[in-house]
Amino acid sequence: MQNIGKFYRIALLFNANKVYDRQVVEGVGQYLQASQCT
């Protein structure tokens, strides 16, 4: 039971990191597009 909880927490953290990384990449892409337009 304890091992399952540990794995589940790691999976949750990993998924949260993937979403955060995607937002960062999208933000950088938008910033680059905006800086090229001006």
PDB file of N, CA and C in Angstrom:
ATOM      1  N   MET A   1       0.836  -1.207   0.000  1.00  0.00           N
ATOM      2  CA  MET A   1       0.000   0.000   0.000  1.00  0.00           C
ATOM      3  C   MET A   1       0.871   1.257   0.000  1.00  0.00           C
ATOM      4  N   GLN A   2       1.917   1.236   0.801  1.00  0.00           N
ATOM      5  CA  GLN A   2       2.773   2.422   0.897  1.00  0.00           C
ATOM      6  C   GLN A   2       3.497   2.688  -0.426  1.00  0.00           C
ATOM      7  N   ASN A   3       3.951   1.624  -1.078  1.00  0.00           N
ATOM      8  CA  ASN A   3       4.643   1.798  -2.352  1.00  0.00           C
ATOM      9  C   ASN A   3       3.715   2.368  -3.413  1.00  0.00           C
ATOM     10  N   ILE A   4       2.468   1.929  -3.419  1.00  0.00           N
ATOM     11  CA  ILE A   4       1.505   2.437  -4.406  1.00  0.00           C
ATOM     12  C   ILE A   4       1.300   3.933  -4.199  1.00  0.00           C
ATOM     13  N   GLY A   5       1.153   4.356  -2.958  1.00  0.00           N
ATOM     14  CA  GLY A   5       0.973   5.779  -2.667  1.00  0.00           C
ATOM     15  C   GLY A   5       2.175   6.591  -3.120  1.00  0.00           C
ATOM     16  N   LYS A   6       3.350   6.060  -2.893  1.00  0.00           N
ATOM     17  CA  LYS A   6       4.575   6.758  -3.294  1.00  0.00           C
ATOM     18  C   LYS A   6       4.623   6.913  -4.812  1.00  0.00           C
ATOM     19  N   PHE A   7       4.316   5.830  -5.526  1.00  0.00           N
ATOM     20  CA  PHE A   7       4.333   5.876  -6.988  1.00  0.00           C
ATOM     21  C   PHE A   7       3.288   6.856  -7.508  1.00  0.00           C
ATOM     22  N   TYR A   8       2.104   6.846  -6.871  1.00  0.00           N
ATOM     23  CA  TYR A   8       1.020   7.728  -7.307  1.00  0.00           C
ATOM     24  C   TYR A   8       1.420   9.186  -7.135  1.00  0.00           C
ATOM     25  N   ARG A   9       2.093   9.490  -6.031  1.00  0.00           N
ATOM     26  CA  ARG A   9       2.523  10.873  -5.792  1.00  0.00           C
ATOM     27  C   ARG A   9       3.558  11.286  -6.836  1.00  0.00           C
ATOM     28  N   ILE A  10       4.475  10.404  -7.161  1.00  0.00           N
ATOM     29  CA  ILE A  10       5.492  10.716  -8.178  1.00  0.00           C
ATOM     30  C   ILE A  10       4.821  10.937  -9.531  1.00  0.00           C
ATOM     31  N   ALA A  11       3.810  10.100  -9.857  1.00  0.00           N
ATOM     32  CA  ALA A  11       3.099  10.259 -11.127  1.00  0.00           C
ATOM     33  C   ALA A  11       2.389  11.606 -11.170  1.00  0.00           C
ATOM     34  N   LEU A  12       1.783  11.999 -10.057  1.00  0.00           N
ATOM     35  CA  LEU A  12       1.094  13.292 -10.009  1.00  0.00           C
ATOM     36  C   LEU A  12       2.090  14.429 -10.212  1.00  0.00           C
ATOM     37  N   LEU A  13       3.229  14.359  -9.548  1.00  0.00           N
ATOM     38  CA  LEU A  13       4.242  15.406  -9.693  1.00  0.00           C
ATOM     39  C   LEU A  13       4.736  15.468 -11.135  1.00  0.00           C
ATOM     40  N   PHE A  14       4.961  14.301 -11.744  1.00  0.00           N
ATOM     41  CA  PHE A  14       5.459  14.260 -13.117  1.00  0.00           C
ATOM     42  C   PHE A  14       4.447  14.878 -14.070  1.00  0.00           C
ATOM     43  N   ASN A  15       3.166  14.540 -13.891  1.00  0.00           N
ATOM     44  CA  ASN A  15       2.130  15.107 -14.754  1.00  0.00           C
ATOM     45  C   ASN A  15       2.047  16.615 -14.571  1.00  0.00           C
ATOM     46  N   ALA A  16       2.134  17.095 -13.339  1.00  0.00           N
ATOM     47  CA  ALA A  16       2.079  18.532 -13.079  1.00  0.00           C
ATOM     48  C   ALA A  16       3.262  19.216 -13.758  1.00  0.00           C
ATOM     49  N   ASN A  17       4.435  18.596 -13.709  1.00  0.00           N
ATOM     50  CA  ASN A  17       5.612  19.181 -14.346  1.00  0.00           C
ATOM     51  C   ASN A  17       5.440  19.252 -15.858  1.00  0.00           C
ATOM     52  N   LYS A  18       4.838  18.225 -16.455  1.00  0.00           N
ATOM     53  CA  LYS A  18       4.634  18.251 -17.907  1.00  0.00           C
ATOM     54  C   LYS A  18       3.724  19.402 -18.298  1.00  0.00           C
ATOM     55  N   VAL A  19       2.656  19.608 -17.543  1.00  0.00           N
ATOM     56  CA  VAL A  19       1.734  20.708 -17.843  1.00  0.00           C
ATOM     57  C   VAL A  19       2.458  22.037 -17.672  1.00  0.00           C
ATOM     58  N   TYR A  20       3.249  22.173 -16.602  1.00  0.00           N
ATOM     59  CA  TYR A  20       3.971  23.416 -16.349  1.00  0.00           C
ATOM     60  C   TYR A  20       4.979  23.677 -17.465  1.00  0.00           C
ATOM     61  N   ASP A  21       5.719  22.636 -17.859  1.00  0.00           N
ATOM     62  CA  ASP A  21       6.704  22.795 -18.933  1.00  0.00           C
ATOM     63  C   ASP A  21       6.030  23.238 -20.224  1.00  0.00           C
ATOM     64  N   ARG A  22       4.849  22.669 -20.524  1.00  0.00           N
ATOM     65  CA  ARG A  22       4.147  23.037 -21.754  1.00  0.00           C
ATOM     66  C   ARG A  22       3.741  24.500 -21.710  1.00  0.00           C
ATOM     67  N   GLN A  23       3.304  24.973 -20.546  1.00  0.00           N
ATOM     68  CA  GLN A  23       2.926  26.382 -20.420  1.00  0.00           C
ATOM     69  C   GLN A  23       4.145  27.276 -20.600  1.00  0.00           C
ATOM     70  N   VAL A  24       5.274  26.861 -20.056  1.00  0.00           N
ATOM     71  CA  VAL A  24       6.499  27.654 -20.201  1.00  0.00           C
ATOM     72  C   VAL A  24       6.909  27.724 -21.668  1.00  0.00           C
ATOM     73  N   VAL A  25       6.868  26.579 -22.359  1.00  0.00           N
ATOM     74  CA  VAL A  25       7.252  26.547 -23.779  1.00  0.00           C
ATOM     75  C   VAL A  25       6.308  27.420 -24.601  1.00  0.00           C
ATOM     76  N   GLU A  26       5.007  27.337 -24.308  1.00  0.00           N
ATOM     77  CA  GLU A  26       4.045  28.168 -25.039  1.00  0.00           C
ATOM     78  C   GLU A  26       4.313  29.644 -24.763  1.00  0.00           C
ATOM     79  N   GLY A  27       4.611  29.989 -23.523  1.00  0.00           N
ATOM     80  CA  GLY A  27       4.890  31.379 -23.176  1.00  0.00           C
ATOM     81  C   GLY A  27       6.127  31.892 -23.899  1.00  0.00           C
ATOM     82  N   VAL A  28       7.164  31.074 -23.969  1.00  0.00           N
ATOM     83  CA  VAL A  28       8.386  31.475 -24.671  1.00  0.00           C
ATOM     84  C   VAL A  28       8.093  31.663 -26.155  1.00  0.00           C
ATOM     85  N   GLY A  29       7.302  30.753 -26.734  1.00  0.00           N
ATOM     86  CA  GLY A  29       6.946  30.866 -28.146  1.00  0.00           C
ATOM     87  C   GLY A  29       6.174  32.142 -28.424  1.00  0.00           C
ATOM     88  N   GLN A  30       5.223  32.459 -27.561  1.00  0.00           N
ATOM     89  CA  GLN A  30       4.445  33.690 -27.734  1.00  0.00           C
ATOM     90  C   GLN A  30       5.345  34.914 -27.591  1.00  0.00           C
ATOM     91  N   TYR A  31       6.274  34.868 -26.643  1.00  0.00           N
ATOM     92  CA  TYR A  31       7.186  35.995 -26.444  1.00  0.00           C
ATOM     93  C   TYR A  31       8.061  36.200 -27.683  1.00  0.00           C
ATOM     94  N   LEU A  32       8.569  35.102 -28.246  1.00  0.00           N
ATOM     95  CA  LEU A  32       9.411  35.219 -29.440  1.00  0.00           C
ATOM     96  C   LEU A  32       8.611  35.784 -30.610  1.00  0.00           C
ATOM     97  N   GLN A  33       7.382  35.323 -30.801  1.00  0.00           N
ATOM     98  CA  GLN A  33       6.550  35.848 -31.888  1.00  0.00           C
ATOM     99  C   GLN A  33       6.289  37.334 -31.674  1.00  0.00           C
ATOM    100  N   ALA A  34       5.992  37.731 -30.448  1.00  0.00           N
ATOM    101  CA  ALA A  34       5.689  39.138 -30.156  1.00  0.00           C
ATOM    102  C   ALA A  34       6.930  40.004 -30.381  1.00  0.00           C
ATOM    103  N   SER A  35       8.103  39.513 -29.988  1.00  0.00           N
ATOM    104  CA  SER A  35       9.311  40.324 -30.130  1.00  0.00           C
ATOM    105  C   SER A  35       9.730  40.428 -31.596  1.00  0.00           C
ATOM    106  N   GLN A  36       9.388  39.451 -32.425  1.00  0.00           N
ATOM    107  CA  GLN A  36       9.722  39.522 -33.849  1.00  0.00           C
ATOM    108  C   GLN A  36       8.785  40.472 -34.585  1.00  0.00           C
ATOM    109  N   CYS A  37       7.548  40.601 -34.105  1.00  0.00           N
ATOM    110  CA  CYS A  37       6.565  41.453 -34.785  1.00  0.00           C
ATOM    111  C   CYS A  37       6.892  42.931 -34.603  1.00  0.00           C
ATOM    112  N   THR A  38       7.481  43.288 -33.482  1.00  0.00           N
ATOM    113  CA  THR A  38       7.712  44.714 -33.219  1.00  0.00           C
ATOM    114  C   THR A  38       9.016  45.184 -33.839  1.00  0.00           C
TER     115      THR A  38
END
